[in-house]
Amino acid sequence: MKDFLIVGSGLAGLSVARHLEFKNASFDIISDTTQQSSRIAGGIINPVAVKRMKPAWQVEEYLPYAKTFYQSINNAFQEEIYSRKILNVFVHDIEQENNWYQAYDKARLKSFISSQVFKNKNQNLNIGKIGKIKAGIIHLTTLYQCLKHHYQKQWVSETFKHDKLEINESYLTYQNVSYKHIVFCEGFGVTQNPFFNHLGIYGNKGDYLIFKSKALQIKELYKAKYFLIPLSKDLYKFGATYQRKPLNHEPSNEARSQMMEALDNMISVPYKIVRQVCGIRPTTKDRRPVVGTHKKHKNIHILNGFGSRGVMTSPKLGQKLVKHILTDEKLDPEISIRRFDAQI
């Protein structure tokens, strides 16, 4: 009998796998390619909610752990998974500039943002002033490839069939293999999960453009309406949009038009669209993750509902869930699945 079966290989599933490895627990991962939000995301670790100039949710707890977690993967695989970056935020008017200075006076933001706004010196960008945030970026494709190769003996590339899961009092069986626990990390796919489809997790579709521009020549991160993220070989990622309907995995023409208009306003050099990608973020009404154990089945667990902050929050949340399962450590009420019990 193995200790765990992990369903899903996005940020949630890989975080759980890594923390189980730390505990020397045995596990398998089963995953298909239907949910793409983790893999197509921008990968930015941003400690500031820029629109309101407020600290990201519980940033003091989640950010340091995320940095340590990703740096450990850097060291283990000798790959650049995580790198520090400056996020340059476009300051459009005097009101936004005043808001920036007011934000800097707040103790929780002072260590993350610049004490002043600066004149933009890059002639390829259509903006007068910028503020700077100490941010970082996770190279998600490299992260995924490294961990899939690392866990190749435990990895099954197929669609999980919920009706094939046999539930016993002290163990579970799937495809003739027995496990002590199962952890569902399915992203938006959880809406089709009969054990957790009561949670009200809904989808928020995000599109990105990948474009090429030899003339742009930037290495830092930028944000106006959307994020501008340098990749390599003169490629850039631009986005992402937020769209409630339709929730499909087809790139949206409406989103493409919105992003191209914003990109034309943001840069002043030629570019060529290479492709458009999209994914559906899982989120909740209260915008908090869902972590914990099924009320009836004590060996069935969930990690979900990251929204757009999963890159920063998933490492610590994976640790919290593993501790909760293995040592019965209590979960914060704000993230615990128990807050949904009244809805059952």
Protein backbone atom coordinates (compact mmCIF):
# COMPACT_ATOMS: atom_id res chain seq x y z
CA MET A 1 0.00 0.00 0.00
CA LYS A 2 1.22 3.49 -0.87
CA ASP A 3 0.67 6.54 1.28
CA PHE A 4 -0.85 9.00 -1.21
CA LEU A 5 -2.41 9.41 -4.63
CA ILE A 6 -2.23 12.98 -5.94
CA VAL A 7 -4.72 13.93 -8.64
CA GLY A 8 -3.45 16.88 -10.68
CA SER A 9 0.01 18.22 -11.49
CA GLY A 10 -0.37 21.97 -11.41
CA LEU A 11 1.15 24.15 -8.71
CA ALA A 12 -1.04 22.54 -6.06
CA GLY A 13 -0.22 18.95 -6.97
CA LEU A 14 3.50 19.57 -7.35
CA SER A 15 3.65 21.39 -4.02
CA VAL A 16 1.95 18.47 -2.28
CA ALA A 17 4.31 16.01 -3.99
CA ARG A 18 7.39 17.97 -2.97
CA HIS A 19 6.30 18.19 0.67
CA LEU A 20 5.43 14.49 0.76
CA GLU A 21 8.90 13.79 -0.59
CA PHE A 22 10.34 15.84 2.27
CA LYS A 23 8.44 13.52 4.66
CA ASN A 24 9.63 10.35 2.86
CA ALA A 25 6.01 9.44 2.08
CA SER A 26 5.25 7.22 -0.91
CA PHE A 27 2.93 8.61 -3.57
CA ASP A 28 1.76 8.49 -7.17
CA ILE A 29 0.65 11.41 -9.35
CA ILE A 30 -2.09 11.02 -11.92
CA SER A 31 -2.70 13.88 -14.33
CA ASP A 32 -3.94 14.70 -17.80
CA THR A 33 -3.54 17.97 -19.70
CA THR A 34 -7.08 19.34 -19.43
CA GLN A 35 -6.29 22.02 -16.83
CA GLN A 36 -3.64 24.46 -18.04
CA SER A 37 -3.90 27.47 -15.72
CA SER A 38 -0.71 26.70 -13.76
CA ARG A 39 1.36 26.03 -16.85
CA ILE A 40 0.33 29.04 -18.91
CA ALA A 41 0.36 31.53 -16.01
CA GLY A 42 2.78 34.43 -16.00
CA GLY A 43 4.68 33.05 -13.02
CA ILE A 44 5.10 36.43 -11.31
CA ILE A 45 5.52 36.57 -7.53
CA ASN A 46 4.16 40.00 -6.73
CA PRO A 47 3.79 41.00 -3.07
CA VAL A 48 1.54 43.98 -3.84
CA ALA A 49 -2.05 44.25 -5.04
CA VAL A 50 -1.20 47.06 -7.44
CA LYS A 51 -4.69 48.30 -8.21
CA ARG A 52 -5.36 49.19 -4.57
CA MET A 53 -1.70 49.49 -3.54
CA LYS A 54 -2.16 47.08 -0.66
CA PRO A 55 -0.08 44.09 0.48
CA ALA A 56 -1.08 40.80 -1.10
CA TRP A 57 -3.08 38.50 1.18
CA GLN A 58 -0.91 37.26 4.08
CA VAL A 59 2.22 38.18 2.13
CA GLU A 60 4.43 38.08 5.23
CA GLU A 61 3.69 34.36 5.66
CA TYR A 62 3.53 33.15 2.08
CA LEU A 63 6.24 35.14 0.29
CA PRO A 64 9.31 34.12 2.35
CA TYR A 65 8.32 30.46 2.23
CA ALA A 66 7.72 30.59 -1.53
CA LYS A 67 11.19 32.06 -2.10
CA THR A 68 12.82 29.35 0.02
CA PHE A 69 10.78 26.59 -1.64
CA TYR A 70 11.60 27.62 -5.21
CA GLN A 71 15.23 28.32 -4.36
CA SER A 72 15.52 24.78 -3.01
CA ILE A 73 14.34 23.50 -6.40
CA ASN A 74 16.90 25.76 -8.10
CA ASN A 75 19.59 24.14 -5.98
CA ALA A 76 18.33 20.58 -6.30
CA PHE A 77 18.03 20.55 -10.08
CA GLN A 78 20.63 23.17 -11.00
CA GLU A 79 18.02 25.00 -13.07
CA GLU A 80 16.86 28.60 -12.89
CA ILE A 81 13.35 28.01 -11.60
CA TYR A 82 13.13 31.21 -9.56
CA SER A 83 14.78 34.56 -10.16
CA ARG A 84 14.34 37.96 -8.55
CA LYS A 85 12.92 40.67 -10.77
CA ILE A 86 11.89 44.30 -10.53
CA LEU A 87 8.28 44.92 -11.48
CA ASN A 88 7.91 48.37 -13.03
CA VAL A 89 4.41 49.73 -12.57
CA PHE A 90 3.24 52.45 -14.92
CA VAL A 91 2.15 55.58 -13.02
CA HIS A 92 -0.39 57.27 -15.26
CA ASP A 93 -1.38 60.44 -13.43
CA ILE A 94 -0.81 62.61 -10.38
CA GLU A 95 -3.48 60.79 -8.36
CA GLN A 96 -1.76 57.45 -8.90
CA GLU A 97 1.58 59.05 -8.03
CA ASN A 98 0.16 60.39 -4.76
CA ASN A 99 -1.29 56.95 -3.99
CA TRP A 100 2.17 55.46 -4.47
CA TYR A 101 3.74 57.82 -1.91
CA GLN A 102 0.92 57.18 0.54
CA ALA A 103 1.45 53.44 0.12
CA TYR A 104 5.16 53.77 0.85
CA ASP A 105 4.33 55.34 4.21
CA LYS A 106 2.56 52.13 5.26
CA ALA A 107 4.83 49.77 7.21
CA ARG A 108 3.71 46.60 5.43
CA LEU A 109 4.54 48.00 1.98
CA LYS A 110 7.73 49.94 2.70
CA SER A 111 10.03 46.95 2.18
CA PHE A 112 8.43 46.00 -1.15
CA ILE A 113 8.06 49.23 -3.12
CA SER A 114 10.34 52.10 -4.14
CA SER A 115 10.30 55.26 -2.05
CA GLN A 116 9.66 57.34 -5.17
CA VAL A 117 8.43 57.12 -8.72
CA PHE A 118 10.92 57.49 -11.55
CA LYS A 119 10.93 59.00 -14.99
CA ASN A 120 10.75 56.28 -17.60
CA LYS A 121 13.93 56.31 -19.69
CA ASN A 122 13.00 53.51 -22.08
CA GLN A 123 11.91 55.12 -25.33
CA ASN A 124 10.24 51.88 -26.43
CA LEU A 125 7.59 52.24 -23.73
CA ASN A 126 4.78 54.82 -23.90
CA ILE A 127 4.78 56.08 -20.34
CA GLY A 128 6.14 58.99 -18.33
CA LYS A 129 6.72 57.56 -14.84
CA ILE A 130 7.11 54.20 -13.13
CA GLY A 131 7.13 52.85 -9.59
CA LYS A 132 9.21 49.82 -8.70
CA ILE A 133 8.24 46.67 -6.78
CA LYS A 134 10.61 43.96 -5.57
CA ALA A 135 9.11 40.91 -7.25
CA GLY A 136 10.21 37.62 -8.73
CA ILE A 137 9.34 35.17 -11.46
CA ILE A 138 8.96 31.41 -11.57
CA HIS A 139 9.80 29.77 -14.88
CA LEU A 140 6.82 27.46 -14.79
CA THR A 141 7.66 25.39 -17.87
CA THR A 142 11.09 24.56 -16.45
CA LEU A 143 9.59 23.83 -13.02
CA TYR A 144 7.05 21.45 -14.52
CA GLN A 145 9.60 19.66 -16.71
CA CYS A 146 12.05 19.21 -13.83
CA LEU A 147 9.49 17.77 -11.43
CA LYS A 148 7.81 15.56 -14.03
CA HIS A 149 11.20 14.04 -14.84
CA HIS A 150 12.06 13.75 -11.14
CA TYR A 151 8.77 11.94 -10.40
CA GLN A 152 8.63 9.95 -13.65
CA LYS A 153 8.41 6.57 -11.87
CA GLN A 154 5.39 7.81 -9.88
CA TRP A 155 3.71 9.72 -12.73
CA VAL A 156 0.68 8.42 -14.63
CA SER A 157 -0.45 10.51 -17.61
CA GLU A 158 -4.16 9.80 -17.87
CA THR A 159 -7.53 11.18 -16.84
CA PHE A 160 -8.66 10.29 -13.34
CA LYS A 161 -12.05 8.59 -13.22
CA HIS A 162 -13.82 9.41 -9.98
CA ASP A 163 -16.28 6.54 -10.28
CA LYS A 164 -13.41 4.05 -10.27
CA LEU A 165 -12.22 5.10 -6.82
CA GLU A 166 -13.08 2.45 -4.22
CA ILE A 167 -13.47 3.86 -0.72
CA ASN A 168 -12.85 1.74 2.35
CA GLU A 169 -12.78 2.78 5.97
CA SER A 170 -8.99 2.97 6.30
CA TYR A 171 -7.77 2.98 2.69
CA LEU A 172 -8.69 3.68 -0.92
CA THR A 173 -8.16 1.66 -4.08
CA TYR A 174 -7.69 2.99 -7.59
CA GLN A 175 -6.65 0.92 -10.61
CA ASN A 176 -5.83 -2.04 -8.34
CA VAL A 177 -3.44 0.04 -6.19
CA SER A 178 -4.27 0.84 -2.58
CA TYR A 179 -3.52 4.19 -0.91
CA LYS A 180 -3.93 5.58 2.58
CA HIS A 181 -4.96 9.01 1.25
CA ILE A 182 -5.95 10.80 -1.93
CA VAL A 183 -5.41 14.52 -2.53
CA PHE A 184 -7.39 16.26 -5.25
CA CYS A 185 -5.49 19.14 -6.86
CA GLU A 186 -7.60 19.43 -9.99
CA GLY A 187 -7.91 23.17 -10.43
CA PHE A 188 -11.12 24.11 -12.23
CA GLY A 189 -11.65 20.40 -12.93
CA VAL A 190 -12.86 20.08 -9.33
CA THR A 191 -16.28 21.21 -10.54
CA GLN A 192 -16.66 17.67 -11.94
CA ASN A 193 -15.48 16.03 -8.72
CA PRO A 194 -18.42 14.37 -6.88
CA PHE A 195 -16.67 14.72 -3.50
CA PHE A 196 -16.06 18.47 -3.72
CA ASN A 197 -18.47 19.92 -6.28
CA HIS A 198 -20.49 21.61 -3.51
CA LEU A 199 -17.78 24.18 -2.72
CA GLY A 200 -18.82 26.80 -5.24
CA ILE A 201 -15.38 26.95 -6.85
CA TYR A 202 -15.83 28.77 -10.13
CA GLY A 203 -13.68 29.54 -13.13
CA ASN A 204 -12.02 32.71 -14.28
CA LYS A 205 -10.53 32.40 -17.74
CA GLY A 206 -7.25 34.12 -18.52
CA ASP A 207 -5.65 34.64 -21.94
CA TYR A 208 -2.04 35.58 -22.69
CA LEU A 209 -0.41 36.73 -25.89
CA ILE A 210 3.07 35.53 -26.80
CA PHE A 211 4.71 38.01 -29.14
CA LYS A 212 8.12 38.61 -30.68
CA SER A 213 9.90 41.94 -30.93
CA LYS A 214 13.59 42.36 -31.67
CA ALA A 215 13.34 46.11 -31.04
CA LEU A 216 11.75 46.03 -27.57
CA GLN A 217 14.83 44.82 -25.67
CA ILE A 218 13.62 44.76 -22.06
CA LYS A 219 14.64 42.41 -19.25
CA GLU A 220 12.54 43.59 -16.31
CA LEU A 221 8.82 43.09 -15.69
CA TYR A 222 6.33 45.83 -16.52
CA LYS A 223 2.68 46.39 -15.68
CA ALA A 224 0.11 48.81 -16.99
CA LYS A 225 -3.29 47.23 -17.56
CA TYR A 226 -1.56 43.89 -18.16
CA PHE A 227 1.80 42.38 -17.31
CA LEU A 228 4.63 42.46 -19.84
CA ILE A 229 6.99 39.56 -19.18
CA PRO A 230 10.28 38.98 -21.07
CA LEU A 231 10.93 35.36 -21.99
CA SER A 232 13.93 34.61 -24.23
CA LYS A 233 14.99 35.00 -27.86
CA ASP A 234 13.06 38.30 -28.21
CA LEU A 235 9.83 36.66 -27.02
CA TYR A 236 7.46 38.23 -24.50
CA LYS A 237 4.30 37.20 -22.67
CA PHE A 238 1.51 39.78 -22.28
CA GLY A 239 -1.64 39.48 -20.15
CA ALA A 240 -3.66 38.13 -18.60
CA THR A 241 -7.33 38.84 -19.06
CA TYR A 242 -10.17 37.95 -16.69
CA GLN A 243 -13.26 36.45 -18.28
CA ARG A 244 -16.16 34.58 -16.62
CA LYS A 245 -17.86 33.38 -19.81
CA PRO A 246 -17.49 31.33 -21.87
CA LEU A 247 -15.36 29.00 -19.76
CA ASN A 248 -13.64 26.94 -22.42
CA HIS A 249 -10.08 26.18 -23.40
CA GLU A 250 -10.22 28.07 -26.69
CA PRO A 251 -8.32 31.38 -26.94
CA SER A 252 -10.77 34.27 -26.93
CA ASN A 253 -10.93 36.68 -29.88
CA GLU A 254 -12.36 39.35 -27.57
CA ALA A 255 -9.44 38.91 -25.18
CA ARG A 256 -6.99 39.06 -28.08
CA SER A 257 -8.43 42.39 -29.24
CA GLN A 258 -8.33 43.83 -25.71
CA MET A 259 -4.73 42.81 -25.21
CA MET A 260 -3.56 44.02 -28.60
CA GLU A 261 -5.13 47.42 -27.98
CA ALA A 262 -3.41 47.62 -24.58
CA LEU A 263 -0.10 46.45 -26.05
CA ASP A 264 -0.28 49.08 -28.79
CA ASN A 265 -0.77 51.71 -26.10
CA MET A 266 2.09 50.35 -24.01
CA ILE A 267 4.95 49.88 -26.48
CA SER A 268 6.10 51.93 -29.47
CA VAL A 269 8.04 49.33 -31.47
CA PRO A 270 6.98 46.67 -34.01
CA TYR A 271 5.94 43.24 -32.80
CA LYS A 272 4.46 40.02 -34.16
CA ILE A 273 1.95 37.82 -32.34
CA VAL A 274 3.33 34.28 -32.17
CA ARG A 275 0.47 32.57 -30.36
CA GLN A 276 -2.28 32.98 -27.79
CA VAL A 277 -2.75 30.69 -24.79
CA CYS A 278 -5.43 30.46 -22.14
CA GLY A 279 -6.36 28.64 -18.96
CA ILE A 280 -9.14 28.64 -16.37
CA ARG A 281 -8.17 29.75 -12.87
CA PRO A 282 -10.07 28.13 -9.99
CA THR A 283 -11.30 30.69 -7.51
CA THR A 284 -13.83 31.09 -4.71
CA LYS A 285 -16.41 33.65 -3.73
CA ASP A 286 -14.35 34.81 -0.76
CA ARG A 287 -11.12 34.69 -2.83
CA ARG A 288 -9.44 32.34 -0.40
CA PRO A 289 -7.94 28.89 -1.08
CA VAL A 290 -9.71 25.67 -0.15
CA VAL A 291 -7.61 23.32 1.97
CA GLY A 292 -8.54 20.30 4.01
CA THR A 293 -10.32 16.98 4.38
CA HIS A 294 -13.74 15.77 3.26
CA LYS A 295 -16.26 15.89 6.09
CA LYS A 296 -17.33 12.26 5.69
CA HIS A 297 -14.31 10.57 4.12
CA LYS A 298 -11.28 11.26 6.32
CA ASN A 299 -8.78 9.99 3.72
CA ILE A 300 -9.99 12.27 0.90
CA HIS A 301 -8.44 15.75 0.76
CA ILE A 302 -8.36 18.88 -1.40
CA LEU A 303 -6.02 21.76 -2.29
CA ASN A 304 -7.63 24.24 -4.65
CA GLY A 305 -8.97 27.75 -5.25
CA PHE A 306 -5.71 29.66 -5.71
CA GLY A 307 -7.06 32.21 -8.17
CA SER A 308 -4.27 34.39 -9.57
CA ARG A 309 -1.95 34.11 -6.53
CA GLY A 310 -1.06 30.43 -6.75
CA VAL A 311 2.59 30.96 -7.62
CA MET A 312 3.16 32.68 -4.28
CA THR A 313 0.73 30.75 -2.07
CA SER A 314 0.93 27.15 -3.31
CA PRO A 315 4.23 26.19 -1.60
CA LYS A 316 3.06 27.11 1.90
CA LEU A 317 -0.46 25.79 1.33
CA GLY A 318 0.95 22.45 0.19
CA GLN A 319 3.00 22.30 3.37
CA LYS A 320 -0.04 23.18 5.50
CA LEU A 321 -2.15 20.42 3.94
CA VAL A 322 0.55 17.76 4.33
CA LYS A 323 1.04 18.70 7.99
CA HIS A 324 -2.73 18.64 8.49
CA ILE A 325 -2.98 15.11 7.09
CA LEU A 326 0.11 13.60 8.70
CA THR A 327 0.07 15.31 12.10
CA ASP A 328 -3.53 16.57 12.37
CA GLU A 329 -2.25 20.15 12.53
CA LYS A 330 -5.18 22.55 12.57
CA LEU A 331 -5.81 24.67 9.48
CA ASP A 332 -6.51 28.39 9.58
CA PRO A 333 -10.30 28.93 9.44
CA GLU A 334 -9.78 31.38 6.59
CA ILE A 335 -8.52 28.63 4.26
CA SER A 336 -10.13 25.54 5.76
CA ILE A 337 -12.75 23.60 3.84
CA ARG A 338 -14.81 23.55 7.02
CA ARG A 339 -16.10 27.05 6.19
CA PHE A 340 -18.26 25.42 3.49
CA ASP A 341 -19.87 22.78 5.71
CA ALA A 342 -23.11 24.74 6.06
CA GLN A 343 -23.57 24.53 2.29
CA ILE A 344 -23.71 20.72 2.21
